[in-house]
Protein backbone atom coordinates (compact mmCIF):
# COMPACT_ATOMS: atom_id res chain seq x y z
CA MET A 1 0.01 -0.01 -0.01
CA THR A 2 1.44 3.39 -0.99
CA GLU A 3 1.30 6.57 1.15
CA ASP A 4 -1.74 7.86 -0.72
CA GLY A 5 -3.78 4.74 0.00
CA GLU A 6 -3.43 3.14 -3.45
CA ASP A 7 -2.81 -0.60 -3.71
CA SER A 8 0.75 -1.16 -5.08
CA ASN A 9 -0.09 -4.78 -6.25
CA PRO A 10 0.29 -4.71 -10.01
CA ASN A 11 -2.04 -7.69 -10.31
CA ASN A 12 -4.91 -5.80 -8.65
CA SER A 13 -6.04 -4.28 -11.94
CA PHE A 14 -9.53 -2.82 -12.65
CA GLU A 15 -11.41 -0.60 -14.99
CA MET A 16 -13.34 2.44 -13.87
CA ILE A 17 -16.29 3.50 -15.98
CA PRO A 18 -18.97 6.21 -15.48
CA PHE A 19 -22.34 5.49 -13.75
CA SER A 20 -24.45 7.20 -16.34
CA LYS A 21 -27.05 9.81 -15.53
CA MET A 22 -29.83 7.66 -17.11
CA ARG A 23 -28.88 4.78 -14.79
CA GLN A 24 -29.28 7.24 -11.94
CA VAL A 25 -32.75 7.99 -13.32
CA VAL A 26 -33.59 4.31 -13.20
CA VAL A 27 -32.48 4.17 -9.58
CA ASP A 28 -34.69 7.16 -8.78
CA VAL A 29 -37.74 5.43 -10.37
CA LEU A 30 -37.07 2.16 -8.57
CA TYR A 31 -36.94 4.17 -5.30
CA HIS A 32 -40.67 4.85 -5.78
CA ALA A 33 -41.49 1.49 -7.37
CA LYS A 34 -40.24 -0.53 -4.39
CA ARG A 35 -42.79 1.19 -2.10
CA ARG A 36 -45.66 -0.53 -3.88
CA HIS A 37 -47.50 -3.55 -2.53
CA THR A 38 -46.55 -5.79 -5.33
CA VAL A 39 -47.72 -9.39 -5.78
CA TRP A 40 -45.89 -11.65 -8.36
CA GLY A 41 -47.37 -14.53 -10.26
CA LEU A 42 -45.18 -17.02 -12.15
CA PHE A 43 -46.53 -19.16 -14.89
CA GLU A 44 -45.49 -20.74 -18.12
CA VAL A 45 -47.02 -21.01 -21.63
CA ASP A 46 -46.57 -23.73 -24.22
CA VAL A 47 -45.37 -21.82 -27.32
CA THR A 48 -44.40 -24.80 -29.42
CA GLU A 49 -47.02 -24.32 -32.01
CA THR A 50 -46.55 -20.53 -32.07
CA ARG A 51 -42.88 -20.85 -32.76
CA LYS A 52 -43.63 -23.33 -35.65
CA ILE A 53 -46.04 -20.87 -37.19
CA LEU A 54 -43.58 -18.01 -36.85
CA ALA A 55 -40.79 -20.17 -38.31
CA GLU A 56 -42.98 -21.02 -41.33
CA TYR A 57 -43.83 -17.36 -41.83
CA LYS A 58 -40.22 -16.49 -41.85
CA LYS A 59 -39.52 -18.95 -44.69
CA LYS A 60 -42.15 -17.27 -46.82
CA HIS A 61 -41.45 -13.62 -46.17
CA GLU A 62 -38.46 -11.28 -46.23
CA LYS A 63 -39.13 -9.83 -42.74
CA SER A 64 -39.93 -12.19 -39.87
CA ILE A 65 -42.35 -11.58 -36.99
CA THR A 66 -40.61 -11.83 -33.62
CA LEU A 67 -41.93 -13.80 -30.68
CA THR A 68 -41.52 -10.60 -28.63
CA ALA A 69 -43.83 -8.63 -31.03
CA TRP A 70 -46.44 -11.42 -30.80
CA MET A 71 -46.30 -11.45 -27.03
CA ILE A 72 -46.87 -7.72 -26.87
CA PHE A 73 -49.76 -8.06 -29.35
CA VAL A 74 -51.43 -10.71 -27.21
CA ILE A 75 -50.89 -9.02 -23.90
CA SER A 76 -52.16 -5.64 -25.11
CA HIS A 77 -55.26 -7.19 -26.76
CA ALA A 78 -55.98 -9.21 -23.58
CA LEU A 79 -55.74 -6.00 -21.49
CA GLY A 80 -58.02 -4.25 -23.98
CA LYS A 81 -60.69 -6.77 -22.91
CA TYR A 82 -59.87 -6.20 -19.25
CA PRO A 83 -58.94 -2.47 -19.00
CA ARG A 84 -59.57 -2.43 -15.25
CA MET A 85 -56.27 -4.29 -14.89
CA GLN A 86 -54.28 -1.18 -15.92
CA ALA A 87 -56.20 1.29 -13.81
CA ILE A 88 -54.09 4.11 -12.23
CA ARG A 89 -54.91 5.65 -8.94
CA LYS A 90 -55.88 9.37 -8.79
CA GLY A 91 -55.66 10.82 -5.31
CA ARG A 92 -57.16 8.78 -2.47
CA ASN A 93 -60.60 7.92 -3.81
CA LYS A 94 -60.51 7.67 -7.61
CA LEU A 95 -59.10 5.34 -10.36
CA ILE A 96 -58.51 6.32 -13.94
CA ILE A 97 -59.03 3.57 -16.48
CA PHE A 98 -57.61 4.32 -19.86
CA ASP A 99 -59.05 2.86 -23.05
CA ASP A 100 -55.63 2.63 -24.77
CA VAL A 101 -52.99 0.13 -23.62
CA ASP A 102 -49.62 1.97 -23.88
CA ILE A 103 -46.76 -0.53 -23.49
CA ASN A 104 -43.51 0.62 -21.98
CA LEU A 105 -40.60 -1.34 -23.37
CA ILE A 106 -36.88 -1.44 -23.12
CA VAL A 107 -35.48 -1.54 -26.71
CA GLU A 108 -31.81 -2.28 -27.28
CA ARG A 109 -30.45 0.07 -29.96
CA THR A 110 -26.97 0.11 -31.51
CA ILE A 111 -25.50 3.52 -31.22
CA LYS A 112 -21.87 4.12 -32.23
CA ASN A 113 -21.32 0.37 -32.26
CA LYS A 114 -22.57 0.07 -28.72
CA LYS A 115 -25.75 -1.64 -27.62
CA ILE A 116 -27.68 0.78 -25.50
CA PRO A 117 -31.07 0.00 -23.78
CA THR A 118 -33.58 2.76 -24.24
CA SER A 119 -37.11 3.22 -23.04
CA TYR A 120 -39.97 3.41 -25.64
CA VAL A 121 -43.69 3.62 -25.24
CA LEU A 122 -45.74 1.77 -27.84
CA ARG A 123 -49.01 3.68 -27.91
CA ALA A 124 -52.46 2.15 -28.23
CA ALA A 125 -51.04 -1.30 -28.82
CA ASN A 126 -54.56 -2.82 -28.26
CA ARG A 127 -55.68 -1.10 -31.40
CA LYS A 128 -52.86 -2.28 -33.62
CA SER A 129 -52.42 -5.45 -35.63
CA LEU A 130 -49.59 -7.84 -35.12
CA ALA A 131 -47.95 -6.68 -38.34
CA GLU A 132 -48.16 -3.01 -37.20
CA ILE A 133 -46.59 -3.75 -33.80
CA ASN A 134 -43.82 -5.90 -35.39
CA GLU A 135 -42.98 -3.11 -37.86
CA GLU A 136 -42.98 -0.40 -35.18
CA LEU A 137 -40.58 -2.39 -32.96
CA TYR A 138 -38.35 -3.01 -36.01
CA GLU A 139 -38.17 0.73 -36.83
CA VAL A 140 -37.53 1.72 -33.26
CA LYS A 141 -34.82 -0.78 -32.82
CA ASN A 142 -33.08 0.17 -36.06
CA VAL A 143 -33.32 3.99 -35.95
CA LYS A 144 -29.79 5.40 -35.99
CA GLY A 145 -27.74 8.53 -35.80
CA ASP A 146 -29.42 11.90 -36.31
CA ASN A 147 -32.90 10.25 -36.60
CA MET A 148 -32.63 8.88 -33.12
CA ALA A 149 -31.36 12.15 -31.74
CA LEU A 150 -34.31 13.99 -33.32
CA GLU A 151 -36.76 11.52 -32.14
CA THR A 152 -35.37 11.69 -28.63
CA LYS A 153 -35.72 15.46 -28.48
CA LYS A 154 -39.38 15.29 -29.56
CA SER A 155 -40.35 12.49 -27.14
CA SER A 156 -40.87 12.27 -23.41
CA ALA A 157 -37.49 10.51 -23.35
CA GLY A 158 -35.91 13.85 -24.25
CA LYS A 159 -37.54 15.40 -21.16
CA LEU A 160 -36.19 12.56 -19.03
CA ASN A 161 -32.71 13.40 -20.31
CA THR A 162 -33.21 16.95 -19.03
CA ILE A 163 -34.46 15.69 -15.60
CA ALA A 164 -31.37 13.37 -15.45
CA ASN A 165 -29.08 16.47 -15.15
CA LEU A 166 -30.85 17.65 -11.94
CA PRO A 167 -29.65 16.80 -8.41
CA GLY A 168 -30.88 13.46 -7.10
CA PHE A 169 -33.38 14.74 -4.42
CA ILE A 170 -35.08 16.99 -7.06
CA ARG A 171 -35.24 14.09 -9.55
CA ARG A 172 -36.97 11.83 -7.00
CA LEU A 173 -39.51 14.63 -6.19
CA ILE A 174 -40.23 15.04 -9.86
CA PHE A 175 -40.67 11.28 -10.49
CA GLY A 176 -42.90 11.01 -7.42
CA TYR A 177 -45.11 13.86 -8.76
CA ILE A 178 -45.30 12.13 -12.19
CA LEU A 179 -46.07 8.72 -10.90
CA ARG A 180 -48.99 10.06 -8.79
CA ARG A 181 -50.68 11.70 -11.71
CA PRO A 182 -52.34 9.29 -14.22
CA LYS A 183 -52.01 11.33 -17.39
CA LEU A 184 -48.41 12.23 -16.74
CA LYS A 185 -47.56 8.60 -15.82
CA LYS A 186 -49.22 7.40 -18.98
CA LYS A 187 -47.26 9.96 -21.06
CA PHE A 188 -43.84 9.10 -19.63
CA TYR A 189 -44.15 5.44 -18.71
CA GLY A 190 -47.27 4.09 -20.44
CA THR A 191 -49.84 2.08 -18.65
CA VAL A 192 -48.18 -1.37 -18.71
CA GLY A 193 -44.62 -2.55 -18.52
CA ILE A 194 -43.10 -5.44 -20.52
CA THR A 195 -39.49 -6.53 -20.24
CA SER A 196 -37.65 -9.39 -21.82
CA VAL A 197 -34.90 -11.11 -19.78
CA GLY A 198 -33.16 -14.05 -21.41
CA MET A 199 -36.30 -14.68 -23.53
CA PHE A 200 -34.38 -16.49 -26.26
CA GLY A 201 -32.08 -18.49 -24.05
CA GLN A 202 -32.95 -22.13 -24.59
CA GLY A 203 -32.23 -25.19 -22.54
CA THR A 204 -33.75 -27.99 -20.52
CA HIS A 205 -34.91 -25.48 -17.89
CA GLY A 206 -36.68 -22.19 -17.99
CA GLY A 207 -36.37 -19.31 -15.60
CA TRP A 208 -38.60 -16.55 -14.11
CA PRO A 209 -37.30 -13.02 -13.56
CA VAL A 210 -38.86 -11.05 -10.66
CA GLN A 211 -39.11 -7.46 -11.60
CA ILE A 212 -39.37 -4.20 -9.64
CA THR A 213 -41.70 -1.85 -11.56
CA PRO A 214 -43.41 1.47 -11.33
CA HIS A 215 -46.40 0.12 -13.24
CA ASN A 216 -49.56 -1.21 -11.69
CA ILE A 217 -49.25 -4.24 -13.93
CA SER A 218 -46.14 -5.50 -15.72
CA PHE A 219 -44.84 -8.57 -17.45
CA ALA A 220 -41.35 -10.06 -17.49
CA LEU A 221 -40.65 -12.59 -20.27
CA GLY A 222 -38.13 -15.16 -19.04
CA ALA A 223 -36.37 -18.07 -20.65
CA LEU A 224 -37.56 -20.71 -23.02
CA GLY A 225 -37.27 -24.23 -21.75
CA ARG A 226 -37.85 -27.67 -23.28
CA LYS A 227 -39.55 -30.36 -21.26
CA PRO A 228 -42.20 -33.05 -21.53
CA GLY A 229 -45.78 -31.96 -21.87
CA ILE A 230 -49.11 -33.79 -22.18
CA ILE A 231 -50.79 -33.46 -25.59
CA GLY A 232 -54.09 -35.32 -25.67
CA ASP A 233 -53.19 -38.72 -24.25
CA LYS A 234 -49.54 -38.62 -25.19
CA ILE A 235 -46.33 -37.14 -23.75
CA ALA A 236 -44.19 -35.04 -26.06
CA ILE A 237 -41.27 -32.62 -25.76
CA ARG A 238 -42.64 -29.05 -25.76
CA GLU A 239 -41.26 -25.52 -25.57
CA TYR A 240 -42.42 -23.42 -22.59
CA LEU A 241 -41.97 -19.67 -22.09
CA CYS A 242 -41.66 -18.56 -18.47
CA ILE A 243 -43.66 -15.40 -17.68
CA THR A 244 -43.80 -13.25 -14.52
CA VAL A 245 -46.66 -10.86 -13.91
CA ALA A 246 -46.43 -8.18 -11.24
CA VAL A 247 -49.49 -6.36 -9.95
CA ASP A 248 -50.15 -3.69 -7.43
CA HIS A 249 -52.39 -5.39 -4.86
CA ASP A 250 -53.77 -2.00 -3.82
CA LEU A 251 -55.58 -1.83 -7.17
CA ILE A 252 -55.90 -5.38 -8.36
CA ASP A 253 -57.61 -8.12 -6.32
CA GLY A 254 -57.03 -11.82 -6.62
CA GLY A 255 -60.31 -12.69 -8.30
CA PRO A 256 -60.20 -10.20 -11.21
CA GLY A 257 -56.43 -10.82 -11.67
CA THR A 258 -56.94 -14.62 -11.84
CA ARG A 259 -59.73 -14.30 -14.47
CA PHE A 260 -57.54 -11.95 -16.53
CA LEU A 261 -54.57 -14.34 -16.43
CA LYS A 262 -56.77 -17.29 -17.31
CA LYS A 263 -57.95 -15.43 -20.42
CA LEU A 264 -54.41 -14.37 -21.26
CA HIS A 265 -53.10 -17.85 -20.87
CA THR A 266 -55.80 -19.26 -23.17
CA MET A 267 -55.01 -16.61 -25.80
CA LEU A 268 -51.29 -17.34 -25.67
CA GLU A 269 -51.64 -21.12 -25.91
CA SER A 270 -54.09 -20.89 -28.75
CA SER A 271 -51.52 -18.81 -30.84
CA TYR A 272 -54.00 -15.88 -30.80
CA GLY A 273 -53.86 -13.73 -33.99
CA LEU A 274 -51.48 -16.01 -35.93
CA ASN A 275 -54.34 -17.55 -37.99
CA GLU A 276 -54.55 -14.18 -39.74
CA LEU A 277 -51.04 -14.36 -41.07
CA ASN A 278 -50.61 -15.11 -44.84
């Protein structure tokens, strides 16, 4: 150890990198999110037939439809049938139930040869077709250079960049203000969160992420796993996608939540919407 406290061992090497301002913003949002009375549900969906349909579609068309786009399509359309699930509290005695399902996503973009996760809100997803959602995700992921900079300035993400430059205690006050006001929350964060964690990792076992979220309902798409399943009277190897749903128990009770998840599970396992593909 040297006089200034530095370790003189040459083998004790390390790299120091910045903790970005946007990561600090994430920490501030999680500060408010962890104060929710969140309940998590873990379930899995047989996506064997869905993946076969998507694979066949890819063979016939220049641009494929991703499993992520299809999941967003089904979840948003299920929530469109059960809008109470995305209610946002206003004050002490009121709930705001929006007609549109605005999905908050983390989209990984390549900027200056680096993969950078950025927040994006897919508006009115319950009113869009699978093809429209797939195309929008493709365009958002592949926007580059000046186009992305221009889009960021025009969007709520640009305002988040401005907030990121403020002191921490002011940022937390601002985010607390936004999260308590339904219209502002919808504008900045959407009404529902969907995140994909290791979704395309395959193996003999799946895996469920457990998310912290500022949304009243959010979904985390976990890993794909292969294991035996019962089809009719036979046992066959099937592919299952692990899904975690997080809900704010202050706003969503067990009965309505269970009925919604039962409907969602049925839509997913029946490859909802894929019979319309050509």
